């Protein structure tokens, strides 16, 4: 009788442990979610009503910052967005999410949309390239060049 009790317990516990391990592996994989390096889709830009509101990453949204909302890329990652119509591109950071029913790829701040040259159209086809979580070196170099030189006494 004890053998059957032991077999019953083991046949219940072992699959549960294996299942828990598989679930843990799945969570670990989703944390390292595979991000598509290049995506194509439609871009729009934020409505003015979002000015001053909190974004998904906790920052305050400003139309004057180079930021965007995207549901397919991780928050706080850097991307290069290229307007396919005119080949203009810009590097910006994903700081927000869009409504889950929104079928567009990305929603840019007004200054980013203006730089890409589509504010008159409202929408445009874009290529979005994932650059990673760290600030791109090329952006740091541009920002460094725009800083005034410091003089030593």
N, C-alpha and C. Protein backbone atom coordinates (compact mmCIF):
# COMPACT_ATOMS: atom_id res chain seq x y z
N UNK A 1 0.82 -1.19 0.00
CA UNK A 1 0.00 0.00 0.00
C UNK A 1 0.86 1.25 0.00
N UNK A 2 1.98 1.18 0.78
CA UNK A 2 2.87 2.34 0.84
C UNK A 2 3.51 2.60 -0.51
N UNK A 3 3.80 1.52 -1.28
CA UNK A 3 4.39 1.69 -2.60
C UNK A 3 3.44 2.49 -3.50
N UNK A 4 2.15 2.13 -3.45
CA UNK A 4 1.18 2.82 -4.30
C UNK A 4 1.02 4.27 -3.89
N UNK A 5 1.07 4.53 -2.62
CA UNK A 5 0.97 5.91 -2.15
C UNK A 5 2.18 6.71 -2.62
N UNK A 6 3.36 6.09 -2.54
CA UNK A 6 4.58 6.75 -2.98
C UNK A 6 4.54 7.00 -4.49
N UNK A 7 4.11 6.01 -5.25
CA UNK A 7 4.00 6.15 -6.70
C UNK A 7 3.01 7.25 -7.06
N UNK A 8 1.89 7.30 -6.38
CA UNK A 8 0.89 8.33 -6.63
C UNK A 8 1.44 9.72 -6.35
N UNK A 9 2.11 9.86 -5.23
CA UNK A 9 2.69 11.16 -4.86
C UNK A 9 3.74 11.58 -5.88
N UNK A 10 4.64 10.66 -6.22
CA UNK A 10 5.71 10.98 -7.18
C UNK A 10 5.14 11.30 -8.56
N UNK A 11 4.12 10.57 -8.98
CA UNK A 11 3.54 10.83 -10.30
C UNK A 11 2.83 12.18 -10.35
N UNK A 12 2.48 12.71 -9.20
CA UNK A 12 1.85 14.03 -9.14
C UNK A 12 2.90 15.13 -9.01
N UNK A 13 3.92 14.90 -8.20
CA UNK A 13 4.92 15.92 -7.90
C UNK A 13 5.89 16.13 -9.07
N UNK A 14 6.37 15.06 -9.68
CA UNK A 14 7.38 15.19 -10.74
C UNK A 14 6.86 16.02 -11.92
N UNK A 15 5.66 15.75 -12.46
CA UNK A 15 5.18 16.60 -13.56
C UNK A 15 5.00 18.06 -13.13
N UNK A 16 4.61 18.28 -11.88
CA UNK A 16 4.45 19.66 -11.40
C UNK A 16 5.78 20.38 -11.37
N UNK A 17 6.83 19.70 -10.93
CA UNK A 17 8.17 20.30 -10.89
C UNK A 17 8.66 20.59 -12.30
N UNK A 18 8.48 19.64 -13.21
CA UNK A 18 8.90 19.83 -14.60
C UNK A 18 8.13 20.98 -15.23
N UNK A 19 6.83 21.03 -14.97
CA UNK A 19 6.00 22.11 -15.50
C UNK A 19 6.43 23.47 -14.95
N UNK A 20 6.74 23.52 -13.66
CA UNK A 20 7.19 24.77 -13.05
C UNK A 20 8.51 25.22 -13.66
N UNK A 21 9.41 24.27 -13.91
CA UNK A 21 10.70 24.60 -14.54
C UNK A 21 10.47 25.13 -15.95
N UNK A 22 9.57 24.52 -16.70
CA UNK A 22 9.27 24.98 -18.06
C UNK A 22 8.68 26.38 -18.03
N UNK A 23 7.80 26.65 -17.07
CA UNK A 23 7.21 27.98 -16.94
C UNK A 23 8.28 29.01 -16.60
N UNK A 24 9.21 28.63 -15.72
CA UNK A 24 10.30 29.54 -15.34
C UNK A 24 11.18 29.84 -16.55
N UNK A 25 11.47 28.81 -17.36
CA UNK A 25 12.26 29.02 -18.57
C UNK A 25 11.54 29.94 -19.54
N UNK A 26 10.22 29.78 -19.64
CA UNK A 26 9.42 30.63 -20.52
C UNK A 26 9.48 32.09 -20.08
N UNK A 27 9.38 32.32 -18.77
CA UNK A 27 9.47 33.68 -18.24
C UNK A 27 10.84 34.26 -18.52
N UNK A 28 11.88 33.44 -18.30
CA UNK A 28 13.25 33.90 -18.56
C UNK A 28 13.41 34.28 -20.03
N UNK A 29 12.83 33.49 -20.93
CA UNK A 29 12.91 33.78 -22.36
C UNK A 29 12.17 35.06 -22.69
N UNK A 30 11.00 35.29 -22.06
CA UNK A 30 10.23 36.49 -22.38
C UNK A 30 10.92 37.74 -21.86
N UNK A 31 11.70 37.61 -20.77
CA UNK A 31 12.45 38.77 -20.28
C UNK A 31 13.53 39.16 -21.27
N UNK A 32 14.07 38.17 -21.94
CA UNK A 32 15.05 38.43 -22.98
C UNK A 32 14.33 38.40 -24.33
N UNK A 33 13.17 39.02 -24.38
CA UNK A 33 12.33 38.95 -25.57
C UNK A 33 13.13 39.28 -26.82
N UNK A 34 12.93 38.47 -27.81
CA UNK A 34 13.61 38.72 -29.07
C UNK A 34 12.95 39.91 -29.74
N UNK A 35 13.73 40.94 -29.95
CA UNK A 35 13.22 42.16 -30.56
C UNK A 35 13.63 42.16 -32.02
N UNK A 36 12.66 42.42 -32.90
CA UNK A 36 12.97 42.52 -34.32
C UNK A 36 13.89 43.71 -34.53
N UNK A 37 14.99 43.49 -35.21
CA UNK A 37 15.96 44.57 -35.43
C UNK A 37 15.41 45.65 -36.36
N UNK A 38 14.60 45.27 -37.33
CA UNK A 38 14.01 46.23 -38.27
C UNK A 38 12.54 45.91 -38.43
N UNK A 39 11.70 46.95 -38.33
CA UNK A 39 10.27 46.80 -38.52
C UNK A 39 9.78 47.89 -39.48
N UNK A 40 8.77 47.57 -40.27
CA UNK A 40 8.17 48.53 -41.17
C UNK A 40 6.71 48.71 -40.79
N UNK A 41 6.21 49.93 -40.88
CA UNK A 41 4.82 50.17 -40.55
C UNK A 41 4.44 51.63 -40.71
N UNK A 42 3.32 51.98 -40.11
CA UNK A 42 2.78 53.34 -40.19
C UNK A 42 3.12 54.09 -38.91
N UNK A 43 3.57 55.34 -39.09
CA UNK A 43 3.86 56.22 -37.95
C UNK A 43 2.83 57.34 -37.92
N UNK A 44 2.47 57.72 -36.72
CA UNK A 44 1.61 58.89 -36.49
C UNK A 44 2.35 59.75 -35.48
N UNK A 45 1.71 60.84 -35.04
CA UNK A 45 2.34 61.61 -33.96
C UNK A 45 1.31 61.95 -32.91
N UNK A 46 1.82 62.18 -31.69
CA UNK A 46 0.98 62.42 -30.52
C UNK A 46 0.05 63.62 -30.71
N UNK A 47 -1.15 63.50 -30.17
CA UNK A 47 -2.07 64.62 -30.09
C UNK A 47 -1.59 65.55 -28.97
N UNK A 48 -1.88 66.83 -29.10
CA UNK A 48 -1.44 67.81 -28.09
C UNK A 48 -2.02 67.54 -26.70
N UNK A 49 -3.14 66.81 -26.61
CA UNK A 49 -3.75 66.57 -25.30
C UNK A 49 -2.85 65.75 -24.37
N UNK A 50 -1.83 65.08 -24.92
CA UNK A 50 -0.93 64.27 -24.10
C UNK A 50 0.21 65.08 -23.50
N UNK A 51 0.36 66.32 -23.91
CA UNK A 51 1.42 67.19 -23.38
C UNK A 51 1.30 67.28 -21.85
N UNK A 52 2.40 67.02 -21.15
CA UNK A 52 2.42 67.12 -19.70
C UNK A 52 1.93 65.89 -18.96
N UNK A 53 1.44 64.89 -19.68
CA UNK A 53 0.97 63.67 -19.02
C UNK A 53 2.14 62.70 -18.79
N UNK A 54 1.94 61.80 -17.85
CA UNK A 54 2.97 60.82 -17.52
C UNK A 54 2.97 59.71 -18.58
N UNK A 55 4.16 59.31 -19.01
CA UNK A 55 4.30 58.22 -19.98
C UNK A 55 4.44 56.89 -19.26
N UNK A 56 4.48 55.82 -20.02
CA UNK A 56 4.56 54.47 -19.43
C UNK A 56 5.83 54.26 -18.60
N UNK A 57 6.90 54.97 -18.92
CA UNK A 57 8.13 54.80 -18.14
C UNK A 57 8.22 55.79 -16.99
N UNK A 58 7.18 56.60 -16.78
CA UNK A 58 7.13 57.51 -15.64
C UNK A 58 7.57 58.93 -15.92
N UNK A 59 8.11 59.19 -17.11
CA UNK A 59 8.52 60.55 -17.46
C UNK A 59 7.30 61.38 -17.86
N UNK A 60 7.48 62.68 -17.85
CA UNK A 60 6.42 63.59 -18.32
C UNK A 60 6.61 63.80 -19.81
N UNK A 61 5.53 63.63 -20.59
CA UNK A 61 5.61 63.76 -22.04
C UNK A 61 5.71 65.22 -22.45
N UNK A 62 6.58 65.47 -23.42
CA UNK A 62 6.70 66.80 -24.03
C UNK A 62 6.81 66.62 -25.54
N UNK A 63 6.06 67.43 -26.28
CA UNK A 63 6.11 67.40 -27.74
C UNK A 63 7.48 67.85 -28.25
N UNK A 64 8.28 68.48 -27.38
CA UNK A 64 9.58 69.02 -27.78
C UNK A 64 10.73 68.03 -27.57
N UNK A 65 10.44 66.85 -27.01
CA UNK A 65 11.48 65.84 -26.78
C UNK A 65 11.43 64.80 -27.90
N UNK A 66 12.57 64.22 -28.20
CA UNK A 66 12.66 63.18 -29.22
C UNK A 66 12.31 61.83 -28.61
N UNK A 67 11.00 61.61 -28.47
CA UNK A 67 10.51 60.37 -27.87
C UNK A 67 9.38 59.79 -28.72
N UNK A 68 9.00 58.55 -28.40
CA UNK A 68 7.94 57.89 -29.15
C UNK A 68 7.27 56.84 -28.29
N UNK A 69 6.09 56.41 -28.76
CA UNK A 69 5.36 55.31 -28.14
C UNK A 69 5.35 54.15 -29.13
N UNK A 70 5.53 52.94 -28.61
CA UNK A 70 5.53 51.75 -29.45
C UNK A 70 5.13 50.56 -28.59
N UNK A 71 4.32 49.68 -29.15
CA UNK A 71 3.88 48.50 -28.41
C UNK A 71 4.75 47.27 -28.66
N UNK A 72 5.64 47.33 -29.65
CA UNK A 72 6.42 46.14 -30.01
C UNK A 72 7.88 46.21 -29.57
N UNK A 73 8.30 47.34 -29.05
CA UNK A 73 9.69 47.52 -28.61
C UNK A 73 9.75 47.78 -27.12
N UNK A 74 10.85 47.43 -26.46
CA UNK A 74 10.95 47.65 -25.01
C UNK A 74 11.03 49.13 -24.66
N UNK A 75 10.50 49.48 -23.49
CA UNK A 75 10.60 50.86 -23.02
C UNK A 75 12.06 51.23 -22.82
N UNK A 76 12.35 52.50 -23.01
CA UNK A 76 13.67 53.10 -22.82
C UNK A 76 14.73 52.59 -23.80
N UNK A 77 14.31 51.96 -24.89
CA UNK A 77 15.29 51.57 -25.90
C UNK A 77 15.42 52.69 -26.93
N UNK A 78 16.49 52.66 -27.66
CA UNK A 78 16.77 53.66 -28.69
C UNK A 78 16.48 53.07 -30.06
N UNK A 79 15.89 53.88 -30.94
CA UNK A 79 15.55 53.44 -32.29
C UNK A 79 15.90 54.53 -33.30
N UNK A 80 16.13 54.09 -34.52
CA UNK A 80 16.27 55.03 -35.64
C UNK A 80 15.01 54.87 -36.48
N UNK A 81 14.28 55.97 -36.68
CA UNK A 81 13.06 55.96 -37.47
C UNK A 81 13.36 56.68 -38.78
N UNK A 82 13.05 56.01 -39.90
CA UNK A 82 13.29 56.60 -41.22
C UNK A 82 11.96 56.72 -41.96
N UNK A 83 11.67 57.93 -42.44
CA UNK A 83 10.49 58.17 -43.26
C UNK A 83 10.79 57.61 -44.64
N UNK A 84 10.03 56.64 -45.08
CA UNK A 84 10.28 55.98 -46.36
C UNK A 84 10.02 56.92 -47.54
N UNK A 85 9.10 57.88 -47.38
CA UNK A 85 8.79 58.81 -48.48
C UNK A 85 9.97 59.71 -48.85
N UNK A 86 10.67 60.22 -47.84
CA UNK A 86 11.72 61.21 -48.13
C UNK A 86 13.11 60.79 -47.63
N UNK A 87 13.20 59.62 -47.02
CA UNK A 87 14.46 59.06 -46.51
C UNK A 87 15.08 59.86 -45.36
N UNK A 88 14.33 60.73 -44.71
CA UNK A 88 14.84 61.42 -43.52
C UNK A 88 14.78 60.46 -42.35
N UNK A 89 15.77 60.55 -41.46
CA UNK A 89 15.75 59.68 -40.28
C UNK A 89 16.13 60.45 -39.03
N UNK A 90 15.76 59.85 -37.90
CA UNK A 90 16.01 60.47 -36.60
C UNK A 90 16.19 59.36 -35.57
N UNK A 91 17.00 59.63 -34.56
CA UNK A 91 17.19 58.68 -33.46
C UNK A 91 16.42 59.19 -32.26
N UNK A 92 15.62 58.33 -31.66
CA UNK A 92 14.84 58.72 -30.48
C UNK A 92 14.66 57.55 -29.55
N UNK A 93 14.03 57.82 -28.41
CA UNK A 93 13.87 56.80 -27.36
C UNK A 93 12.39 56.45 -27.19
N UNK A 94 12.11 55.18 -26.97
CA UNK A 94 10.75 54.71 -26.72
C UNK A 94 10.45 54.91 -25.23
N UNK A 95 9.48 55.78 -24.93
CA UNK A 95 9.15 56.08 -23.54
C UNK A 95 7.71 55.76 -23.17
N UNK A 96 6.91 55.34 -24.15
CA UNK A 96 5.48 55.19 -23.89
C UNK A 96 4.91 54.03 -24.69
N UNK A 97 3.68 53.68 -24.36
CA UNK A 97 2.91 52.66 -25.06
C UNK A 97 1.69 53.31 -25.70
N UNK A 98 1.19 52.69 -26.75
CA UNK A 98 -0.03 53.16 -27.39
C UNK A 98 -1.20 52.33 -26.88
N UNK A 99 -2.41 52.76 -27.24
CA UNK A 99 -3.59 51.98 -26.91
C UNK A 99 -3.45 50.60 -27.56
N UNK A 100 -3.85 49.56 -26.86
CA UNK A 100 -3.63 48.20 -27.36
C UNK A 100 -4.36 47.89 -28.67
N UNK A 101 -5.38 48.66 -29.02
CA UNK A 101 -6.09 48.45 -30.28
C UNK A 101 -5.48 49.24 -31.44
N UNK A 102 -4.53 50.11 -31.13
CA UNK A 102 -3.89 50.91 -32.17
C UNK A 102 -3.04 50.00 -33.05
N UNK A 103 -3.27 50.03 -34.34
CA UNK A 103 -2.56 49.15 -35.27
C UNK A 103 -1.31 49.80 -35.86
N UNK A 104 -1.02 51.04 -35.49
CA UNK A 104 0.17 51.70 -36.02
C UNK A 104 1.41 51.15 -35.33
N UNK A 105 2.55 51.28 -36.00
CA UNK A 105 3.80 50.78 -35.44
C UNK A 105 4.35 51.70 -34.37
N UNK A 106 4.29 53.01 -34.60
CA UNK A 106 4.95 53.95 -33.69
C UNK A 106 4.22 55.29 -33.72
N UNK A 107 4.26 55.99 -32.59
CA UNK A 107 3.62 57.29 -32.42
C UNK A 107 4.71 58.24 -31.93
N UNK A 108 5.08 59.23 -32.73
CA UNK A 108 6.20 60.11 -32.42
C UNK A 108 5.75 61.42 -31.79
N UNK A 109 6.67 62.06 -31.08
CA UNK A 109 6.42 63.42 -30.59
C UNK A 109 6.34 64.34 -31.80
N UNK A 110 5.75 65.53 -31.62
CA UNK A 110 5.58 66.45 -32.74
C UNK A 110 6.92 66.87 -33.34
N UNK A 111 7.91 67.15 -32.51
CA UNK A 111 9.22 67.59 -33.02
C UNK A 111 9.87 66.48 -33.85
N UNK A 112 9.70 65.23 -33.44
CA UNK A 112 10.26 64.10 -34.20
C UNK A 112 9.54 63.96 -35.54
N UNK A 113 8.20 64.08 -35.53
CA UNK A 113 7.43 63.99 -36.77
C UNK A 113 7.78 65.14 -37.71
N UNK A 114 7.98 66.32 -37.15
CA UNK A 114 8.35 67.49 -37.96
C UNK A 114 9.72 67.27 -38.60
N UNK A 115 10.65 66.73 -37.84
CA UNK A 115 11.99 66.44 -38.36
C UNK A 115 11.92 65.43 -39.51
N UNK A 116 11.02 64.47 -39.41
CA UNK A 116 10.85 63.48 -40.47
C UNK A 116 10.01 64.01 -41.63
N UNK A 117 9.38 65.18 -41.44
CA UNK A 117 8.67 65.84 -42.52
C UNK A 117 7.30 65.28 -42.86
N UNK A 118 6.55 64.83 -41.86
CA UNK A 118 5.21 64.33 -42.18
C UNK A 118 4.09 64.93 -41.34
N UNK A 119 4.33 66.05 -40.67
CA UNK A 119 3.26 66.64 -39.85
C UNK A 119 2.10 67.11 -40.71
N UNK A 120 2.35 67.49 -41.94
CA UNK A 120 1.26 67.91 -42.83
C UNK A 120 0.40 66.76 -43.30
N UNK A 121 0.96 65.56 -43.32
CA UNK A 121 0.25 64.37 -43.78
C UNK A 121 -0.45 63.64 -42.64
N UNK A 122 0.09 63.73 -41.44
CA UNK A 122 -0.49 63.03 -40.29
C UNK A 122 0.04 61.63 -40.09
N UNK A 123 0.20 60.90 -41.19
CA UNK A 123 0.72 59.53 -41.15
C UNK A 123 1.77 59.36 -42.23
N UNK A 124 2.67 58.42 -42.01
CA UNK A 124 3.65 58.08 -43.04
C UNK A 124 4.16 56.67 -42.82
N UNK A 125 4.68 56.07 -43.88
CA UNK A 125 5.30 54.74 -43.77
C UNK A 125 6.73 54.94 -43.28
N UNK A 126 7.12 54.11 -42.31
CA UNK A 126 8.45 54.24 -41.72
C UNK A 126 9.15 52.90 -41.59
N UNK A 127 10.45 53.01 -41.46
CA UNK A 127 11.31 51.87 -41.10
C UNK A 127 11.84 52.19 -39.71
N UNK A 128 11.68 51.27 -38.77
CA UNK A 128 12.15 51.46 -37.39
C UNK A 128 13.24 50.43 -37.12
N UNK A 129 14.43 50.93 -36.78
CA UNK A 129 15.57 50.06 -36.49
C UNK A 129 15.87 50.11 -35.00
N UNK A 130 15.87 48.96 -34.36
CA UNK A 130 16.18 48.85 -32.93
C UNK A 130 17.68 49.02 -32.75
N UNK A 131 18.08 49.98 -31.88
CA UNK A 131 19.50 50.27 -31.64
C UNK A 131 19.99 49.77 -30.29
N UNK A 132 19.09 49.36 -29.41
CA UNK A 132 19.48 48.84 -28.10
C UNK A 132 19.07 49.75 -26.95
N UNK A 133 19.47 49.34 -25.74
CA UNK A 133 19.09 50.06 -24.53
C UNK A 133 20.04 51.19 -24.18
N UNK A 134 21.26 51.14 -24.69
CA UNK A 134 22.23 52.19 -24.37
C UNK A 134 22.16 53.29 -25.43
N UNK A 135 22.45 54.51 -24.99
CA UNK A 135 22.40 55.66 -25.89
C UNK A 135 23.40 55.46 -27.02
N UNK A 136 22.96 55.59 -28.28
CA UNK A 136 23.87 55.39 -29.41
C UNK A 136 25.05 56.36 -29.37
N UNK A 137 26.22 55.87 -29.72
CA UNK A 137 27.43 56.69 -29.72
C UNK A 137 27.27 57.88 -30.65
N UNK A 138 26.68 57.65 -31.83
CA UNK A 138 26.52 58.75 -32.79
C UNK A 138 25.67 59.88 -32.22
N UNK A 139 24.69 59.56 -31.39
CA UNK A 139 23.86 60.59 -30.77
C UNK A 139 24.65 61.33 -29.70
N UNK A 140 25.45 60.62 -28.95
CA UNK A 140 26.29 61.25 -27.93
C UNK A 140 27.29 62.20 -28.57
N UNK A 141 27.85 61.81 -29.71
CA UNK A 141 28.81 62.67 -30.41
C UNK A 141 28.14 63.94 -30.91
N UNK A 142 26.93 63.83 -31.43
CA UNK A 142 26.19 65.00 -31.92
C UNK A 142 25.89 65.94 -30.76
N UNK A 143 25.41 65.38 -29.65
CA UNK A 143 25.09 66.21 -28.48
C UNK A 143 26.34 66.85 -27.92
N UNK A 144 27.46 66.13 -27.91
CA UNK A 144 28.72 66.67 -27.41
C UNK A 144 29.21 67.82 -28.26
N UNK A 145 29.00 67.73 -29.57
CA UNK A 145 29.44 68.79 -30.48
C UNK A 145 28.61 70.05 -30.32
N UNK A 146 27.36 69.90 -29.86
CA UNK A 146 26.50 71.08 -29.71
C UNK A 146 26.71 71.79 -28.39
N UNK A 147 27.48 71.18 -27.48
CA UNK A 147 27.76 71.81 -26.19
C UNK A 147 28.84 72.87 -26.36
N UNK A 148 28.71 74.01 -25.67
CA UNK A 148 29.75 75.03 -25.78
C UNK A 148 31.06 74.53 -25.17
N UNK A 149 32.14 74.92 -25.79
CA UNK A 149 33.46 74.52 -25.29
C UNK A 149 33.75 75.23 -23.97
N UNK A 150 34.35 74.50 -23.05
CA UNK A 150 34.69 75.11 -21.76
C UNK A 150 36.11 75.63 -21.82
N UNK A 151 36.32 76.78 -21.21
CA UNK A 151 37.65 77.38 -21.20
C UNK A 151 38.32 77.09 -19.87
N UNK A 152 39.61 76.83 -19.93
CA UNK A 152 40.36 76.62 -18.70
C UNK A 152 41.09 77.91 -18.36
N UNK A 153 41.07 78.34 -17.09
CA UNK A 153 41.70 79.61 -16.72
C UNK A 153 43.20 79.58 -16.78
